[in-house]
Amino acid sequence: MKSLQVFVKERRRKLKITQGQLAVKSGVGLRFIREMEQGKTTLRMDKVNQVLQMFGYELGPVPMDRNTLVNEKS
């Protein structure tokens, strides 16, 4: 399963639009798009959904990789 940052970056590039264009089209700031594509771990869900709607997607629950979770805590 792709991470959010990879998904957004790949979709944006497939549409051949810049980060700035995606920000304007989705109604969020350029800084938000940059942070999202860089993997910032704390993002507002409503803004993430605004961006994902551009690609016909929305946030939803996905299964966690327990090994990754354990490794991040150490």
N, C-alpha and C. Protein backbone atom coordinates (compact mmCIF):
# COMPACT_ATOMS: atom_id res chain seq x y z
N MET A 1 0.83 -1.17 0.00
CA MET A 1 0.00 0.00 0.00
C MET A 1 0.89 1.25 0.00
N LYS A 2 0.53 2.20 -0.83
CA LYS A 2 1.31 3.43 -0.95
C LYS A 2 1.04 4.37 0.21
N SER A 3 2.06 5.12 0.55
CA SER A 3 1.86 6.15 1.58
C SER A 3 1.12 7.32 0.93
N LEU A 4 0.55 8.16 1.77
CA LEU A 4 -0.17 9.33 1.30
C LEU A 4 0.73 10.23 0.46
N GLN A 5 1.95 10.45 0.93
CA GLN A 5 2.85 11.33 0.22
C GLN A 5 3.17 10.81 -1.18
N VAL A 6 3.40 9.51 -1.32
CA VAL A 6 3.70 8.93 -2.62
C VAL A 6 2.46 8.99 -3.52
N PHE A 7 1.31 8.67 -2.97
CA PHE A 7 0.07 8.69 -3.74
C PHE A 7 -0.19 10.08 -4.34
N VAL A 8 -0.12 11.12 -3.51
CA VAL A 8 -0.40 12.47 -3.97
C VAL A 8 0.62 12.92 -5.01
N LYS A 9 1.89 12.66 -4.74
CA LYS A 9 2.94 13.08 -5.67
C LYS A 9 2.78 12.39 -7.02
N GLU A 10 2.51 11.08 -7.01
CA GLU A 10 2.33 10.34 -8.26
C GLU A 10 1.12 10.84 -9.04
N ARG A 11 0.01 11.07 -8.35
CA ARG A 11 -1.21 11.54 -9.02
C ARG A 11 -1.01 12.93 -9.61
N ARG A 12 -0.35 13.78 -8.86
CA ARG A 12 -0.10 15.14 -9.33
C ARG A 12 0.77 15.12 -10.59
N ARG A 13 1.81 14.33 -10.55
CA ARG A 13 2.71 14.24 -11.71
C ARG A 13 2.01 13.62 -12.92
N LYS A 14 1.14 12.65 -12.66
CA LYS A 14 0.39 12.03 -13.75
C LYS A 14 -0.50 13.06 -14.46
N LEU A 15 -1.05 14.00 -13.69
CA LEU A 15 -1.87 15.07 -14.26
C LEU A 15 -1.02 16.20 -14.85
N LYS A 16 0.30 16.12 -14.63
CA LYS A 16 1.25 17.13 -15.12
C LYS A 16 0.92 18.52 -14.60
N ILE A 17 0.69 18.59 -13.28
CA ILE A 17 0.46 19.89 -12.64
C ILE A 17 1.50 20.10 -11.56
N THR A 18 1.78 21.35 -11.27
CA THR A 18 2.76 21.68 -10.24
C THR A 18 2.11 21.62 -8.86
N GLN A 19 2.93 21.69 -7.84
CA GLN A 19 2.41 21.75 -6.48
C GLN A 19 1.54 22.99 -6.31
N GLY A 20 1.97 24.09 -6.88
CA GLY A 20 1.20 25.33 -6.79
C GLY A 20 -0.16 25.22 -7.46
N GLN A 21 -0.20 24.58 -8.62
CA GLN A 21 -1.46 24.39 -9.32
C GLN A 21 -2.41 23.49 -8.53
N LEU A 22 -1.86 22.43 -7.93
CA LEU A 22 -2.69 21.54 -7.11
C LEU A 22 -3.24 22.29 -5.91
N ALA A 23 -2.42 23.12 -5.31
CA ALA A 23 -2.86 23.90 -4.15
C ALA A 23 -4.03 24.80 -4.52
N VAL A 24 -3.91 25.50 -5.62
CA VAL A 24 -4.99 26.41 -6.06
C VAL A 24 -6.25 25.62 -6.39
N LYS A 25 -6.11 24.56 -7.16
CA LYS A 25 -7.27 23.77 -7.59
C LYS A 25 -8.00 23.11 -6.42
N SER A 26 -7.25 22.72 -5.39
CA SER A 26 -7.87 22.04 -4.26
C SER A 26 -8.24 22.99 -3.11
N GLY A 27 -7.82 24.23 -3.19
CA GLY A 27 -8.20 25.22 -2.18
C GLY A 27 -7.39 25.17 -0.90
N VAL A 28 -6.16 24.69 -1.00
CA VAL A 28 -5.26 24.68 0.16
C VAL A 28 -4.02 25.48 -0.20
N GLY A 29 -3.17 25.73 0.78
CA GLY A 29 -1.95 26.47 0.52
C GLY A 29 -0.84 25.62 -0.07
N LEU A 30 0.08 26.28 -0.76
CA LEU A 30 1.23 25.59 -1.33
C LEU A 30 2.05 24.90 -0.23
N ARG A 31 2.19 25.56 0.89
CA ARG A 31 2.94 24.97 2.01
C ARG A 31 2.33 23.63 2.43
N PHE A 32 0.99 23.57 2.45
CA PHE A 32 0.31 22.33 2.84
C PHE A 32 0.65 21.21 1.85
N ILE A 33 0.62 21.50 0.56
CA ILE A 33 0.95 20.50 -0.46
C ILE A 33 2.38 20.02 -0.28
N ARG A 34 3.28 20.96 -0.06
CA ARG A 34 4.70 20.59 0.13
C ARG A 34 4.86 19.69 1.35
N GLU A 35 4.22 20.07 2.45
CA GLU A 35 4.33 19.27 3.68
C GLU A 35 3.73 17.88 3.47
N MET A 36 2.62 17.81 2.77
CA MET A 36 1.98 16.53 2.51
C MET A 36 2.90 15.63 1.68
N GLU A 37 3.49 16.18 0.64
CA GLU A 37 4.37 15.39 -0.23
C GLU A 37 5.70 15.06 0.44
N GLN A 38 6.05 15.77 1.50
CA GLN A 38 7.28 15.48 2.23
C GLN A 38 7.03 14.51 3.39
N GLY A 39 5.76 14.13 3.59
CA GLY A 39 5.45 13.13 4.60
C GLY A 39 5.23 13.65 6.01
N LYS A 40 4.85 14.90 6.13
CA LYS A 40 4.56 15.43 7.47
C LYS A 40 3.52 14.54 8.14
N THR A 41 3.74 14.21 9.39
CA THR A 41 2.87 13.25 10.08
C THR A 41 1.64 13.87 10.72
N THR A 42 1.61 15.19 10.84
CA THR A 42 0.44 15.86 11.41
C THR A 42 -0.15 16.81 10.38
N LEU A 43 -1.23 16.38 9.76
CA LEU A 43 -1.92 17.18 8.76
C LEU A 43 -3.41 17.22 9.10
N ARG A 44 -4.06 18.31 8.78
CA ARG A 44 -5.51 18.42 9.01
C ARG A 44 -6.25 17.51 8.04
N MET A 45 -7.10 16.67 8.59
CA MET A 45 -7.81 15.71 7.75
C MET A 45 -8.72 16.38 6.74
N ASP A 46 -9.35 17.49 7.11
CA ASP A 46 -10.24 18.17 6.17
C ASP A 46 -9.47 18.68 4.95
N LYS A 47 -8.27 19.18 5.18
CA LYS A 47 -7.45 19.66 4.07
C LYS A 47 -6.92 18.49 3.22
N VAL A 48 -6.56 17.40 3.88
CA VAL A 48 -6.12 16.21 3.14
C VAL A 48 -7.25 15.76 2.22
N ASN A 49 -8.47 15.74 2.73
CA ASN A 49 -9.61 15.34 1.92
C ASN A 49 -9.85 16.30 0.76
N GLN A 50 -9.62 17.58 0.97
CA GLN A 50 -9.75 18.54 -0.12
C GLN A 50 -8.82 18.18 -1.27
N VAL A 51 -7.59 17.82 -0.94
CA VAL A 51 -6.61 17.45 -1.96
C VAL A 51 -7.00 16.12 -2.60
N LEU A 52 -7.35 15.13 -1.78
CA LEU A 52 -7.69 13.82 -2.32
C LEU A 52 -8.92 13.86 -3.22
N GLN A 53 -9.85 14.77 -2.96
CA GLN A 53 -11.04 14.89 -3.80
C GLN A 53 -10.66 15.24 -5.24
N MET A 54 -9.55 15.90 -5.42
CA MET A 54 -9.09 16.23 -6.77
C MET A 54 -8.83 14.97 -7.59
N PHE A 55 -8.54 13.87 -6.89
CA PHE A 55 -8.22 12.61 -7.56
C PHE A 55 -9.35 11.59 -7.43
N GLY A 56 -10.47 12.02 -6.84
CA GLY A 56 -11.60 11.12 -6.66
C GLY A 56 -11.45 10.17 -5.47
N TYR A 57 -10.73 10.61 -4.45
CA TYR A 57 -10.49 9.79 -3.26
C TYR A 57 -10.85 10.56 -1.99
N GLU A 58 -10.90 9.85 -0.87
CA GLU A 58 -11.06 10.46 0.45
C GLU A 58 -10.34 9.58 1.46
N LEU A 59 -10.07 10.16 2.64
CA LEU A 59 -9.42 9.42 3.72
C LEU A 59 -10.32 8.29 4.22
N GLY A 60 -9.70 7.22 4.66
CA GLY A 60 -10.44 6.12 5.26
C GLY A 60 -9.50 5.24 6.05
N PRO A 61 -10.05 4.37 6.89
CA PRO A 61 -9.21 3.49 7.70
C PRO A 61 -8.54 2.41 6.84
N VAL A 62 -7.29 2.16 7.16
CA VAL A 62 -6.53 1.10 6.51
C VAL A 62 -5.83 0.29 7.58
N PRO A 63 -5.59 -0.99 7.32
CA PRO A 63 -4.90 -1.82 8.32
C PRO A 63 -3.48 -1.31 8.57
N MET A 64 -3.04 -1.41 9.83
CA MET A 64 -1.69 -0.99 10.20
C MET A 64 -0.73 -2.16 10.06
N ASP A 65 0.52 -1.82 9.77
CA ASP A 65 1.60 -2.80 9.78
C ASP A 65 2.16 -2.80 11.19
N ARG A 66 1.84 -3.82 11.96
CA ARG A 66 2.25 -3.87 13.37
C ARG A 66 3.77 -3.81 13.53
N ASN A 67 4.54 -4.39 12.62
CA ASN A 67 6.00 -4.35 12.72
C ASN A 67 6.52 -2.93 12.62
N THR A 68 5.97 -2.13 11.71
CA THR A 68 6.37 -0.74 11.57
C THR A 68 6.04 0.03 12.83
N LEU A 69 4.86 -0.18 13.39
CA LEU A 69 4.44 0.51 14.60
C LEU A 69 5.39 0.23 15.76
N VAL A 70 5.76 -1.02 15.95
CA VAL A 70 6.69 -1.41 17.03
C VAL A 70 8.04 -0.77 16.82
N ASN A 71 8.55 -0.76 15.59
CA ASN A 71 9.86 -0.20 15.30
C ASN A 71 9.90 1.31 15.49
N GLU A 72 8.80 2.00 15.25
CA GLU A 72 8.77 3.45 15.41
C GLU A 72 8.81 3.86 16.88
N LYS A 73 8.32 3.02 17.76
CA LYS A 73 8.30 3.36 19.18
C LYS A 73 9.65 3.21 19.84
N SER A 74 10.55 2.44 19.24
CA SER A 74 11.85 2.23 19.89
C SER A 74 12.84 3.30 19.58
